[in-house]
C-alpha atoms as a PDB file:
ATOM      1  CA  MET A   1      17.550 -21.102  12.970  1.00  0.00           C
ATOM      2  CA  LYS A   2      16.620 -17.796  14.532  1.00  0.00           C
ATOM      3  CA  VAL A   3      13.921 -15.693  12.845  1.00  0.00           C
ATOM      4  CA  LEU A   4      12.892 -12.089  13.505  1.00  0.00           C
ATOM      5  CA  LEU A   5       9.136 -11.633  13.050  1.00  0.00           C
ATOM      6  CA  THR A   6       8.005  -7.991  12.971  1.00  0.00           C
ATOM      7  CA  THR A   7       4.732  -7.707  11.084  1.00  0.00           C
ATOM      8  CA  THR A   8       1.835  -6.985  13.440  1.00  0.00           C
ATOM      9  CA  SER A   9      -0.894  -8.140  11.045  1.00  0.00           C
ATOM     10  CA  TYR A  10       0.737 -11.556  10.969  1.00  0.00           C
ATOM     11  CA  GLN A  11       1.024 -11.714  14.745  1.00  0.00           C
ATOM     12  CA  ASP A  12      -2.458 -10.379  15.527  1.00  0.00           C
ATOM     13  CA  THR A  13      -4.499 -12.542  13.154  1.00  0.00           C
ATOM     14  CA  PRO A  14      -5.216 -16.197  13.993  1.00  0.00           C
ATOM     15  CA  GLY A  15      -4.616 -18.688  11.213  1.00  0.00           C
ATOM     16  CA  PRO A  16      -2.609 -21.641   9.963  1.00  0.00           C
ATOM     17  CA  HIS A  17       0.470 -19.483   9.328  1.00  0.00           C
ATOM     18  CA  HIS A  18       1.276 -19.605  13.049  1.00  0.00           C
ATOM     19  CA  ASP A  19       1.306 -23.413  13.121  1.00  0.00           C
ATOM     20  CA  LEU A  20       3.392 -23.529   9.946  1.00  0.00           C
ATOM     21  CA  LEU A  21       5.997 -21.186  11.399  1.00  0.00           C
ATOM     22  CA  GLU A  22       6.146 -22.964  14.764  1.00  0.00           C
ATOM     23  CA  SER A  23       6.338 -26.432  13.192  1.00  0.00           C
ATOM     24  CA  ASN A  24       9.934 -25.937  12.119  1.00  0.00           C
ATOM     25  CA  GLY A  25      11.311 -25.669  15.628  1.00  0.00           C
ATOM     26  CA  TRP A  26      13.041 -22.371  14.983  1.00  0.00           C
ATOM     27  CA  GLU A  27      13.565 -19.685  17.598  1.00  0.00           C
ATOM     28  CA  ILE A  28      11.098 -16.890  16.803  1.00  0.00           C
ATOM     29  CA  VAL A  29      11.756 -13.409  18.174  1.00  0.00           C
ATOM     30  CA  ARG A  30       8.742 -11.124  17.919  1.00  0.00           C
ATOM     31  CA  GLU A  31       8.833  -7.344  17.615  1.00  0.00           C
ATOM     32  CA  ARG A  32       6.026  -4.858  16.900  1.00  0.00           C
ATOM     33  CA  GLY A  33       6.917  -3.243  13.598  1.00  0.00           C
ATOM     34  CA  PRO A  34       7.350  -1.389  11.428  1.00  0.00           C
ATOM     35  CA  LEU A  35      10.751  -0.858  12.989  1.00  0.00           C
ATOM     36  CA  PRO A  36      12.953   2.153  12.188  1.00  0.00           C
ATOM     37  CA  GLU A  37      16.538   1.717  11.061  1.00  0.00           C
ATOM     38  CA  GLU A  38      17.821   2.466  14.565  1.00  0.00           C
ATOM     39  CA  ARG A  39      15.959  -0.491  16.064  1.00  0.00           C
ATOM     40  CA  MET A  40      16.793  -2.778  13.161  1.00  0.00           C
ATOM     41  CA  LEU A  41      20.483  -1.992  13.656  1.00  0.00           C
ATOM     42  CA  GLU A  42      20.152  -2.951  17.317  1.00  0.00           C
ATOM     43  CA  LEU A  43      18.715  -6.323  16.322  1.00  0.00           C
ATOM     44  CA  ALA A  44      20.819  -7.007  13.232  1.00  0.00           C
ATOM     45  CA  GLY A  45      23.517  -9.648  13.305  1.00  0.00           C
ATOM     46  CA  ASP A  46      21.688 -12.169  15.421  1.00  0.00           C
ATOM     47  CA  PHE A  47      19.206 -13.668  12.939  1.00  0.00           C
ATOM     48  CA  ASP A  48      19.176 -16.174  10.106  1.00  0.00           C
ATOM     49  CA  ALA A  49      16.061 -14.643   8.536  1.00  0.00           C
ATOM     50  CA  PHE A  50      13.735 -11.664   8.691  1.00  0.00           C
ATOM     51  CA  LEU A  51       9.990 -12.202   8.334  1.00  0.00           C
ATOM     52  CA  CYS A  52       9.193  -8.541   7.988  1.00  0.00           C
ATOM     53  CA  GLY A  53       6.607  -5.914   7.145  1.00  0.00           C
ATOM     54  CA  ASP A  54       7.579  -2.310   6.395  1.00  0.00           C
ATOM     55  CA  ASP A  55      10.690  -2.236   8.561  1.00  0.00           C
ATOM     56  CA  ALA A  56      13.696  -0.181   7.449  1.00  0.00           C
ATOM     57  CA  ILE A  57      16.056  -2.808   6.059  1.00  0.00           C
ATOM     58  CA  THR A  58      18.746  -0.480   4.756  1.00  0.00           C
ATOM     59  CA  GLN A  59      22.220  -1.180   3.464  1.00  0.00           C
ATOM     60  CA  ALA A  60      23.592  -0.624   6.961  1.00  0.00           C
ATOM     61  CA  VAL A  61      21.125  -3.127   8.431  1.00  0.00           C
ATOM     62  CA  ILE A  62      21.990  -5.721   5.807  1.00  0.00           C
ATOM     63  CA  GLU A  63      25.723  -5.188   6.258  1.00  0.00           C
ATOM     64  CA  LYS A  64      25.442  -5.738  10.000  1.00  0.00           C
ATOM     65  CA  SER A  65      23.186  -8.780   9.478  1.00  0.00           C
ATOM     66  CA  LEU A  66      25.604 -10.616   7.222  1.00  0.00           C
ATOM     67  CA  PRO A  67      26.934 -13.252   7.000  1.00  0.00           C
ATOM     68  CA  GLN A  68      24.384 -14.881   9.315  1.00  0.00           C
ATOM     69  CA  LEU A  69      21.312 -13.521   7.525  1.00  0.00           C
ATOM     70  CA  LYS A  70      20.249 -15.997   4.858  1.00  0.00           C
ATOM     71  CA  CYS A  71      17.093 -14.367   3.486  1.00  0.00           C
ATOM     72  CA  ILE A  72      14.493 -11.651   3.898  1.00  0.00           C
ATOM     73  CA  SER A  73      10.882 -12.803   3.609  1.00  0.00           C
ATOM     74  CA  LYS A  74       8.620  -9.801   3.073  1.00  0.00           C
ATOM     75  CA  TYR A  75       5.010 -10.000   4.205  1.00  0.00           C
ATOM     76  CA  GLY A  76       3.412  -8.025   1.349  1.00  0.00           C
ATOM     77  CA  ILE A  77       4.489  -6.708  -2.032  1.00  0.00           C
ATOM     78  CA  GLY A  78       5.934  -3.228  -1.364  1.00  0.00           C
ATOM     79  CA  LEU A  79       9.733  -3.424  -1.273  1.00  0.00           C
ATOM     80  CA  ASP A  80      10.577   0.270  -0.947  1.00  0.00           C
ATOM     81  CA  LYS A  81      11.684  -0.094   2.689  1.00  0.00           C
ATOM     82  CA  ILE A  82      14.221  -2.781   1.718  1.00  0.00           C
ATOM     83  CA  ASP A  83      17.467  -1.983  -0.080  1.00  0.00           C
ATOM     84  CA  VAL A  84      16.844  -4.665  -2.685  1.00  0.00           C
ATOM     85  CA  GLU A  85      19.711  -3.493  -4.888  1.00  0.00           C
ATOM     86  CA  PHE A  86      22.257  -3.918  -2.114  1.00  0.00           C
ATOM     87  CA  ALA A  87      20.713  -7.227  -1.021  1.00  0.00           C
ATOM     88  CA  THR A  88      21.096  -8.453  -4.588  1.00  0.00           C
ATOM     89  CA  SER A  89      24.735  -7.367  -4.686  1.00  0.00           C
ATOM     90  CA  GLN A  90      25.287  -9.507  -1.592  1.00  0.00           C
ATOM     91  CA  SER A  91      23.390 -12.494  -3.067  1.00  0.00           C
ATOM     92  CA  LEU A  92      20.797 -12.126  -0.328  1.00  0.00           C
ATOM     93  CA  PRO A  93      17.358 -13.365  -1.461  1.00  0.00           C
ATOM     94  CA  VAL A  94      14.375 -11.044  -0.953  1.00  0.00           C
ATOM     95  CA  LEU A  95      11.152 -13.050  -0.981  1.00  0.00           C
ATOM     96  CA  PHE A  96       7.721 -11.446  -1.263  1.00  0.00           C
ATOM     97  CA  THR A  97       4.006 -12.199  -1.699  1.00  0.00           C
ATOM     98  CA  PRO A  98       2.521 -10.877  -4.946  1.00  0.00           C
ATOM     99  CA  GLY A  99      -1.122 -11.539  -5.765  1.00  0.00           C
ATOM    100  CA  VAL A 100      -2.488 -11.914  -2.235  1.00  0.00           C
ATOM    101  CA  ASN A 101      -4.051  -8.566  -1.318  1.00  0.00           C
ATOM    102  CA  HIS A 102      -5.445  -7.020  -4.503  1.00  0.00           C
ATOM    103  CA  THR A 103      -9.071  -7.789  -3.673  1.00  0.00           C
ATOM    104  CA  THR A 104      -9.082  -6.259  -0.220  1.00  0.00           C
ATOM    105  CA  VAL A 105      -7.088  -3.153  -1.223  1.00  0.00           C
ATOM    106  CA  ALA A 106      -9.455  -2.505  -4.129  1.00  0.00           C
ATOM    107  CA  GLU A 107     -12.420  -2.827  -1.781  1.00  0.00           C
ATOM    108  CA  HIS A 108     -10.780  -0.419   0.640  1.00  0.00           C
ATOM    109  CA  THR A 109     -10.204   2.066  -2.176  1.00  0.00           C
ATOM    110  CA  PHE A 110     -13.927   2.192  -2.853  1.00  0.00           C
ATOM    111  CA  GLY A 111     -14.654   2.405   0.846  1.00  0.00           C
ATOM    112  CA  LEU A 112     -12.609   5.608   0.946  1.00  0.00           C
ATOM    113  CA  LEU A 113     -14.306   6.941  -2.188  1.00  0.00           C
ATOM    114  CA  ILE A 114     -17.827   6.289  -0.923  1.00  0.00           C
ATOM    115  CA  GLY A 115     -16.878   7.649   2.485  1.00  0.00           C
ATOM    116  CA  ILE A 116     -15.834  10.938   0.899  1.00  0.00           C
ATOM    117  CA  THR A 117     -18.558  11.371  -1.701  1.00  0.00           C
ATOM    118  CA  LYS A 118     -21.391  10.494   0.702  1.00  0.00           C
ATOM    119  CA  HIS A 119     -19.874  12.254   3.763  1.00  0.00           C
ATOM    120  CA  ILE A 120     -20.243   8.994   5.669  1.00  0.00           C
ATOM    121  CA  VAL A 121     -17.441   9.568   8.163  1.00  0.00           C
ATOM    122  CA  THR A 122     -18.510  13.137   8.983  1.00  0.00           C
ATOM    123  CA  THR A 123     -22.219  12.394   9.398  1.00  0.00           C
ATOM    124  CA  ALA A 124     -21.665   9.149  11.297  1.00  0.00           C
ATOM    125  CA  ALA A 125     -19.384  10.920  13.761  1.00  0.00           C
ATOM    126  CA  ALA A 126     -21.951  13.699  14.162  1.00  0.00           C
ATOM    127  CA  ALA A 127     -24.763  11.204  14.787  1.00  0.00           C
ATOM    128  CA  ARG A 128     -22.687   9.425  17.407  1.00  0.00           C
ATOM    129  CA  ASN A 129     -22.335  12.800  19.155  1.00  0.00           C
ATOM    130  CA  GLY A 130     -26.081  13.415  19.050  1.00  0.00           C
ATOM    131  CA  GLU A 131     -26.042  15.784  16.051  1.00  0.00           C
ATOM    132  CA  TRP A 132     -28.308  14.995  13.092  1.00  0.00           C
ATOM    133  CA  LYS A 133     -26.139  16.520  10.359  1.00  0.00           C
ATOM    134  CA  ARG A 134     -27.554  16.182   6.820  1.00  0.00           C
ATOM    135  CA  LEU A 135     -24.976  16.899   4.153  1.00  0.00           C
ATOM    136  CA  THR A 136     -25.465  16.623   0.394  1.00  0.00           C
ATOM    137  CA  GLY A 137     -23.049  14.307  -1.336  1.00  0.00           C
ATOM    138  CA  HIS A 138     -22.344  13.185  -4.887  1.00  0.00           C
ATOM    139  CA  GLU A 139     -22.954  10.081  -6.963  1.00  0.00           C
ATOM    140  CA  ILE A 140     -19.967   8.367  -8.511  1.00  0.00           C
ATOM    141  CA  MET A 141     -21.981   6.858 -11.349  1.00  0.00           C
ATOM    142  CA  GLY A 142     -21.004   8.520 -14.616  1.00  0.00           C
ATOM    143  CA  LYS A 143     -17.829  10.026 -13.190  1.00  0.00           C
ATOM    144  CA  THR A 144     -14.386   9.279 -14.645  1.00  0.00           C
ATOM    145  CA  ILE A 145     -11.898   7.447 -12.467  1.00  0.00           C
ATOM    146  CA  GLY A 146      -8.259   7.636 -13.511  1.00  0.00           C
ATOM    147  CA  ILE A 147      -6.050   4.802 -12.317  1.00  0.00           C
ATOM    148  CA  VAL A 148      -2.296   5.360 -12.075  1.00  0.00           C
ATOM    149  CA  GLY A 149      -0.789   1.881 -12.081  1.00  0.00           C
ATOM    150  CA  LEU A 150      -2.888  -0.841 -13.709  1.00  0.00           C
ATOM    151  CA  GLY A 151      -1.321  -3.792 -11.945  1.00  0.00           C
ATOM    152  CA  ARG A 152      -3.176  -6.389  -9.913  1.00  0.00           C
ATOM    153  CA  ILE A 153      -4.769  -3.865  -7.549  1.00  0.00           C
ATOM    154  CA  GLY A 154      -5.419  -1.270 -10.237  1.00  0.00           C
ATOM    155  CA  LYS A 155      -7.200  -3.891 -12.307  1.00  0.00           C
ATOM    156  CA  GLU A 156      -9.442  -4.849  -9.411  1.00  0.00           C
ATOM    157  CA  VAL A 157     -10.280  -1.169  -8.937  1.00  0.00           C
ATOM    158  CA  ALA A 158     -11.191  -0.955 -12.628  1.00  0.00           C
ATOM    159  CA  VAL A 159     -13.527  -3.954 -12.349  1.00  0.00           C
ATOM    160  CA  ARG A 160     -15.321  -2.391  -9.395  1.00  0.00           C
ATOM    161  CA  ALA A 161     -15.470   1.015 -11.053  1.00  0.00           C
ATOM    162  CA  ASN A 162     -17.314  -0.566 -13.968  1.00  0.00           C
ATOM    163  CA  ALA A 163     -19.800  -2.062 -11.540  1.00  0.00           C
ATOM    164  CA  PHE A 164     -20.465   1.431 -10.171  1.00  0.00           C
ATOM    165  CA  GLY A 165     -21.083   2.761 -13.680  1.00  0.00           C
ATOM    166  CA  MET A 166     -17.915   4.842 -13.825  1.00  0.00           C
ATOM    167  CA  LYS A 167     -15.819   5.584 -16.906  1.00  0.00           C
ATOM    168  CA  VAL A 168     -12.330   4.153 -16.445  1.00  0.00           C
ATOM    169  CA  ILE A 169      -9.086   5.577 -17.801  1.00  0.00           C
ATOM    170  CA  ALA A 170      -5.622   4.431 -16.769  1.00  0.00           C
ATOM    171  CA  TYR A 171      -1.882   4.703 -17.270  1.00  0.00           C
ATOM    172  CA  ASP A 172       0.719   2.006 -16.786  1.00  0.00           C
ATOM    173  CA  ILE A 173       4.071   1.484 -18.456  1.00  0.00           C
ATOM    174  CA  TYR A 174       3.212  -2.230 -18.800  1.00  0.00           C
ATOM    175  CA  TRP A 175      -0.142  -2.141 -20.578  1.00  0.00           C
ATOM    176  CA  ASP A 176      -2.422  -5.194 -20.640  1.00  0.00           C
ATOM    177  CA  ASP A 177      -4.396  -4.803 -23.865  1.00  0.00           C
ATOM    178  CA  ALA A 178      -6.543  -7.869 -23.269  1.00  0.00           C
ATOM    179  CA  PHE A 179      -7.660  -6.713 -19.828  1.00  0.00           C
ATOM    180  CA  ALA A 180      -8.252  -3.140 -20.970  1.00  0.00           C
ATOM    181  CA  SER A 181     -10.380  -4.313 -23.880  1.00  0.00           C
ATOM    182  CA  GLU A 182     -12.414  -6.702 -21.762  1.00  0.00           C
ATOM    183  CA  HIS A 183     -13.112  -4.125 -19.053  1.00  0.00           C
ATOM    184  CA  ALA A 184     -13.459  -0.973 -21.166  1.00  0.00           C
ATOM    185  CA  VAL A 185     -10.397   0.758 -19.751  1.00  0.00           C
ATOM    186  CA  ALA A 186      -9.213   3.633 -21.939  1.00  0.00           C
ATOM    187  CA  ARG A 187      -5.436   3.894 -22.228  1.00  0.00           C
ATOM    188  CA  CYS A 188      -3.752   7.193 -21.397  1.00  0.00           C
ATOM    189  CA  ASP A 189      -0.385   8.055 -22.901  1.00  0.00           C
ATOM    190  CA  SER A 190       0.961   9.505 -19.658  1.00  0.00           C
ATOM    191  CA  MET A 191       0.148  10.111 -16.034  1.00  0.00           C
ATOM    192  CA  ASP A 192      -0.615  13.717 -16.937  1.00  0.00           C
ATOM    193  CA  ASP A 193      -3.394  12.521 -19.245  1.00  0.00           C
ATOM    194  CA  VAL A 194      -4.946  10.713 -16.285  1.00  0.00           C
ATOM    195  CA  LEU A 195      -4.650  13.736 -14.005  1.00  0.00           C
ATOM    196  CA  THR A 196      -6.254  16.187 -16.438  1.00  0.00           C
ATOM    197  CA  ASN A 197      -9.161  13.957 -17.462  1.00  0.00           C
ATOM    198  CA  ALA A 198     -10.321  12.304 -14.241  1.00  0.00           C
ATOM    199  CA  ASP A 199     -12.864  13.264 -11.605  1.00  0.00           C
ATOM    200  CA  VAL A 200     -11.269  10.701  -9.300  1.00  0.00           C
ATOM    201  CA  VAL A 201      -7.555   9.830  -9.346  1.00  0.00           C
ATOM    202  CA  SER A 202      -6.584   6.532  -7.726  1.00  0.00           C
ATOM    203  CA  LEU A 203      -2.906   5.730  -7.097  1.00  0.00           C
ATOM    204  CA  HIS A 204      -1.754   2.119  -7.363  1.00  0.00           C
ATOM    205  CA  CYS A 205       1.931   2.277  -8.232  1.00  0.00           C
ATOM    206  CA  PHE A 206       5.078   1.353  -6.353  1.00  0.00           C
ATOM    207  CA  LEU A 207       7.215   3.895  -4.539  1.00  0.00           C
ATOM    208  CA  SER A 208      10.536   4.548  -6.263  1.00  0.00           C
ATOM    209  CA  ASP A 209      12.873   7.448  -6.907  1.00  0.00           C
ATOM    210  CA  GLU A 210      10.789   8.235  -9.992  1.00  0.00           C
ATOM    211  CA  THR A 211       7.388   8.130  -8.252  1.00  0.00           C
ATOM    212  CA  ARG A 212       8.275   9.748  -4.919  1.00  0.00           C
ATOM    213  CA  GLY A 213       6.389  13.062  -4.649  1.00  0.00           C
ATOM    214  CA  MET A 214       4.790  12.631  -8.066  1.00  0.00           C
ATOM    215  CA  ILE A 215       1.558  14.204  -6.831  1.00  0.00           C
ATOM    216  CA  ASN A 216       2.754  17.709  -6.032  1.00  0.00           C
ATOM    217  CA  LYS A 217       1.486  21.274  -6.410  1.00  0.00           C
ATOM    218  CA  ASP A 218       2.335  21.388 -10.110  1.00  0.00           C
ATOM    219  CA  LYS A 219       0.511  18.158 -10.865  1.00  0.00           C
ATOM    220  CA  ILE A 220      -2.414  19.116  -8.651  1.00  0.00           C
ATOM    221  CA  ALA A 221      -2.747  22.334 -10.660  1.00  0.00           C
ATOM    222  CA  GLU A 222      -3.323  20.187 -13.763  1.00  0.00           C
ATOM    223  CA  MET A 223      -6.207  18.326 -12.177  1.00  0.00           C
ATOM    224  CA  ARG A 224      -9.868  19.181 -12.425  1.00  0.00           C
ATOM    225  CA  ASP A 225     -11.271  21.487  -9.764  1.00  0.00           C
ATOM    226  CA  GLY A 226     -12.822  19.408  -6.982  1.00  0.00           C
ATOM    227  CA  VAL A 227     -10.952  16.244  -7.945  1.00  0.00           C
ATOM    228  CA  ILE A 228     -10.893  13.396  -5.441  1.00  0.00           C
ATOM    229  CA  VAL A 229      -7.526  11.689  -4.920  1.00  0.00           C
ATOM    230  CA  LEU A 230      -7.276   8.183  -3.476  1.00  0.00           C
ATOM    231  CA  ASN A 231      -4.031   6.687  -2.190  1.00  0.00           C
ATOM    232  CA  CYS A 232      -3.843   3.078  -1.067  1.00  0.00           C
ATOM    233  CA  ALA A 233      -0.272   2.673  -2.282  1.00  0.00           C
ATOM    234  CA  ARG A 234       2.384   4.701  -0.427  1.00  0.00           C
ATOM    235  CA  GLY A 235       2.092   8.012   1.388  1.00  0.00           C
ATOM    236  CA  GLU A 236       5.318   9.308  -0.124  1.00  0.00           C
ATOM    237  CA  LEU A 237       3.778   9.354  -3.607  1.00  0.00           C
ATOM    238  CA  VAL A 238       2.066  12.565  -2.491  1.00  0.00           C
ATOM    239  CA  VAL A 239       3.720  15.740  -1.220  1.00  0.00           C
ATOM    240  CA  THR A 240       1.889  16.175   2.067  1.00  0.00           C
ATOM    241  CA  GLU A 241       2.092  19.951   2.313  1.00  0.00           C
ATOM    242  CA  ASP A 242       0.931  20.418  -1.286  1.00  0.00           C
ATOM    243  CA  MET A 243      -2.051  18.120  -0.835  1.00  0.00           C
ATOM    244  CA  ALA A 244      -3.054  19.801   2.431  1.00  0.00           C
ATOM    245  CA  ALA A 245      -2.879  23.237   0.776  1.00  0.00           C
ATOM    246  CA  ALA A 246      -5.001  22.022  -2.147  1.00  0.00           C
ATOM    247  CA  LEU A 247      -7.613  20.588   0.207  1.00  0.00           C
ATOM    248  CA  ASN A 248      -7.761  23.798   2.207  1.00  0.00           C
ATOM    249  CA  SER A 249      -8.145  25.895  -0.943  1.00  0.00           C
ATOM    250  CA  GLY A 250     -10.822  23.597  -2.379  1.00  0.00           C
ATOM    251  CA  LYS A 251      -8.804  22.731  -5.491  1.00  0.00           C
ATOM    252  CA  VAL A 252      -8.878  19.102  -4.347  1.00  0.00           C
ATOM    253  CA  GLY A 253     -12.367  18.103  -3.273  1.00  0.00           C
ATOM    254  CA  GLY A 254     -11.341  15.125  -1.207  1.00  0.00           C
ATOM    255  CA  TYR A 255      -8.400  12.932  -0.238  1.00  0.00           C
ATOM    256  CA  GLY A 256      -8.865   9.333   0.822  1.00  0.00           C
ATOM    257  CA  ALA A 257      -5.695   7.623   1.989  1.00  0.00           C
ATOM    258  CA  ASP A 258      -4.742   4.452   3.770  1.00  0.00           C
ATOM    259  CA  VAL A 259      -1.111   5.557   3.886  1.00  0.00           C
ATOM    260  CA  LEU A 260       0.844   8.599   5.011  1.00  0.00           C
ATOM    261  CA  ASP A 261       4.429   9.738   4.630  1.00  0.00           C
ATOM    262  CA  ILE A 262       4.921   9.269   8.397  1.00  0.00           C
ATOM    263  CA  GLU A 263       3.341   6.255  10.085  1.00  0.00           C
ATOM    264  CA  PRO A 264       2.047   6.548  12.685  1.00  0.00           C
ATOM    265  CA  PRO A 265       1.622  10.272  12.053  1.00  0.00           C
ATOM    266  CA  PRO A 266       2.230  13.011  14.624  1.00  0.00           C
ATOM    267  CA  ALA A 267      -0.880  14.673  16.006  1.00  0.00           C
ATOM    268  CA  ASP A 268      -0.188  17.811  13.965  1.00  0.00           C
ATOM    269  CA  HIS A 269       0.226  16.035  10.630  1.00  0.00           C
ATOM    270  CA  PRO A 270      -1.186  18.446   7.999  1.00  0.00           C
ATOM    271  CA  LEU A 271      -3.531  15.903   6.430  1.00  0.00           C
ATOM    272  CA  LEU A 272      -5.224  14.857   9.668  1.00  0.00           C
ATOM    273  CA  GLY A 273      -6.866  18.243  10.021  1.00  0.00           C
ATOM    274  CA  ALA A 274      -7.436  19.010   6.353  1.00  0.00           C
ATOM    275  CA  PRO A 275     -11.045  19.241   5.103  1.00  0.00           C
ATOM    276  CA  ASN A 276     -12.759  16.407   3.223  1.00  0.00           C
ATOM    277  CA  THR A 277     -10.231  13.755   4.116  1.00  0.00           C
ATOM    278  CA  VAL A 278     -10.703  10.151   5.133  1.00  0.00           C
ATOM    279  CA  ILE A 279      -7.458   8.745   6.514  1.00  0.00           C
ATOM    280  CA  THR A 280      -7.183   5.137   7.680  1.00  0.00           C
ATOM    281  CA  SER A 281      -4.278   3.535   9.503  1.00  0.00           C
ATOM    282  CA  HIS A 282      -2.688   1.401   6.758  1.00  0.00           C
ATOM    283  CA  ILE A 283      -5.332  -1.316   7.033  1.00  0.00           C
ATOM    284  CA  GLY A 284      -6.218  -1.633   3.354  1.00  0.00           C
ATOM    285  CA  SER A 285      -4.848  -5.168   3.174  1.00  0.00           C
ATOM    286  CA  ARG A 286      -5.651  -6.029   6.779  1.00  0.00           C
ATOM    287  CA  THR A 287      -8.603  -8.378   6.478  1.00  0.00           C
ATOM    288  CA  HIS A 288      -8.725 -11.853   7.953  1.00  0.00           C
ATOM    289  CA  GLU A 289      -8.811 -13.340   4.472  1.00  0.00           C
ATOM    290  CA  SER A 290      -5.945 -11.298   3.082  1.00  0.00           C
ATOM    291  CA  VAL A 291      -3.727 -11.535   6.167  1.00  0.00           C
ATOM    292  CA  ILE A 292      -3.954 -15.315   6.140  1.00  0.00           C
ATOM    293  CA  ARG A 293      -3.091 -15.416   2.425  1.00  0.00           C
ATOM    294  CA  GLN A 294      -0.141 -13.047   2.845  1.00  0.00           C
ATOM    295  CA  ALA A 295       1.149 -14.613   6.042  1.00  0.00           C
ATOM    296  CA  THR A 296       0.886 -18.152   4.709  1.00  0.00           C
ATOM    297  CA  MET A 297       2.736 -17.263   1.506  1.00  0.00           C
ATOM    298  CA  ALA A 298       5.430 -15.325   3.375  1.00  0.00           C
ATOM    299  CA  THR A 299       5.903 -18.256   5.735  1.00  0.00           C
ATOM    300  CA  LYS A 300       5.981 -20.816   2.916  1.00  0.00           C
ATOM    301  CA  ASN A 301       8.575 -18.674   1.138  1.00  0.00           C
ATOM    302  CA  LEU A 302      10.703 -18.693   4.278  1.00  0.00           C
ATOM    303  CA  VAL A 303      10.250 -22.380   5.089  1.00  0.00           C
ATOM    304  CA  GLN A 304      10.921 -23.547   1.547  1.00  0.00           C
ATOM    305  CA  PHE A 305      14.027 -21.424   1.160  1.00  0.00           C
ATOM    306  CA  LEU A 306      15.555 -22.344   4.509  1.00  0.00           C
ATOM    307  CA  ASN A 307      14.844 -26.010   3.762  1.00  0.00           C
ATOM    308  CA  GLY A 308      16.718 -25.792   0.479  1.00  0.00           C
ATOM    309  CA  GLU A 309      13.685 -25.585  -1.786  1.00  0.00           C
ATOM    310  CA  ALA A 310      12.708 -22.863  -4.257  1.00  0.00           C
ATOM    311  CA  PRO A 311      10.467 -20.176  -2.697  1.00  0.00           C
ATOM    312  CA  ILE A 312       7.118 -19.322  -4.227  1.00  0.00           C
ATOM    313  CA  ALA A 313       8.167 -15.794  -5.167  1.00  0.00           C
ATOM    314  CA  GLN A 314      11.554 -14.059  -5.087  1.00  0.00           C
ATOM    315  CA  ALA A 315      11.882 -10.369  -5.961  1.00  0.00           C
ATOM    316  CA  ASN A 316      15.574 -10.349  -6.863  1.00  0.00           C
ATOM    317  CA  LYS A 317      17.705 -12.525  -9.057  1.00  0.00           C
ATOM    318  CA  PHE A 318      21.458 -13.056  -9.029  1.00  0.00           C
END
């Protein structure tokens, strides 16, 4: 068996996943992803399996990879970079790792929020440069946080928001009444209800044709003046130019994001220079604890499938 391993978190973090992968005696080819379609096409056709991150696994890549490619094992839960529909049509299993990173992403979400409201990044950078800059921030206690997408991560954000004394409202097409009742989460009838009634909007939904660009100038206009927007999901959920304009005008009071529409971004990316932003380099799930959980599950998925056993989690059925 020959396996293409591209996820850098997996490769850079020590843990038992390395021993598990090596124990099978397969040939492992390592690349530093996420890889664009061009590079994936160069590599395609020579591997029995992909152990991948956010690489562009398009229809063309899959077509060139078949018939040798037996499965795709995704490190993580976001499948928007994989053409799952075409993989399914070709009876190609797409394995993934749900339920492994919700804690660390929720923690990162609040790190971004506190960083913005308390001006931590700005004042810490000033102090490092010898400037004692004293800015006045805001408390989050008593504020309303609106969660778009009350899945595993959104739920963890809600739990932490309660601990900070925030009011929690949320929208999700699959509503968990029991959780909402237990954690005092008020149900909104639509995303628009979240946007118009929240001081902080936190995005925790998957990227799809329906959600791409859903935070745009029209939706931003509906939001409260000075709203803070948090994005630890996918950069493409937000229209970059519209968010940058809203930050520059003051309509949006802050933008905390662990993701961008282009990663890594060019030096002139509009959001890197926008005011009141905290941008991190897609590290929301990159903790030692979470990486080991994700990598171990992704590897077990791969090992079990290639050994003729059922994987732990498969995203597509056929």
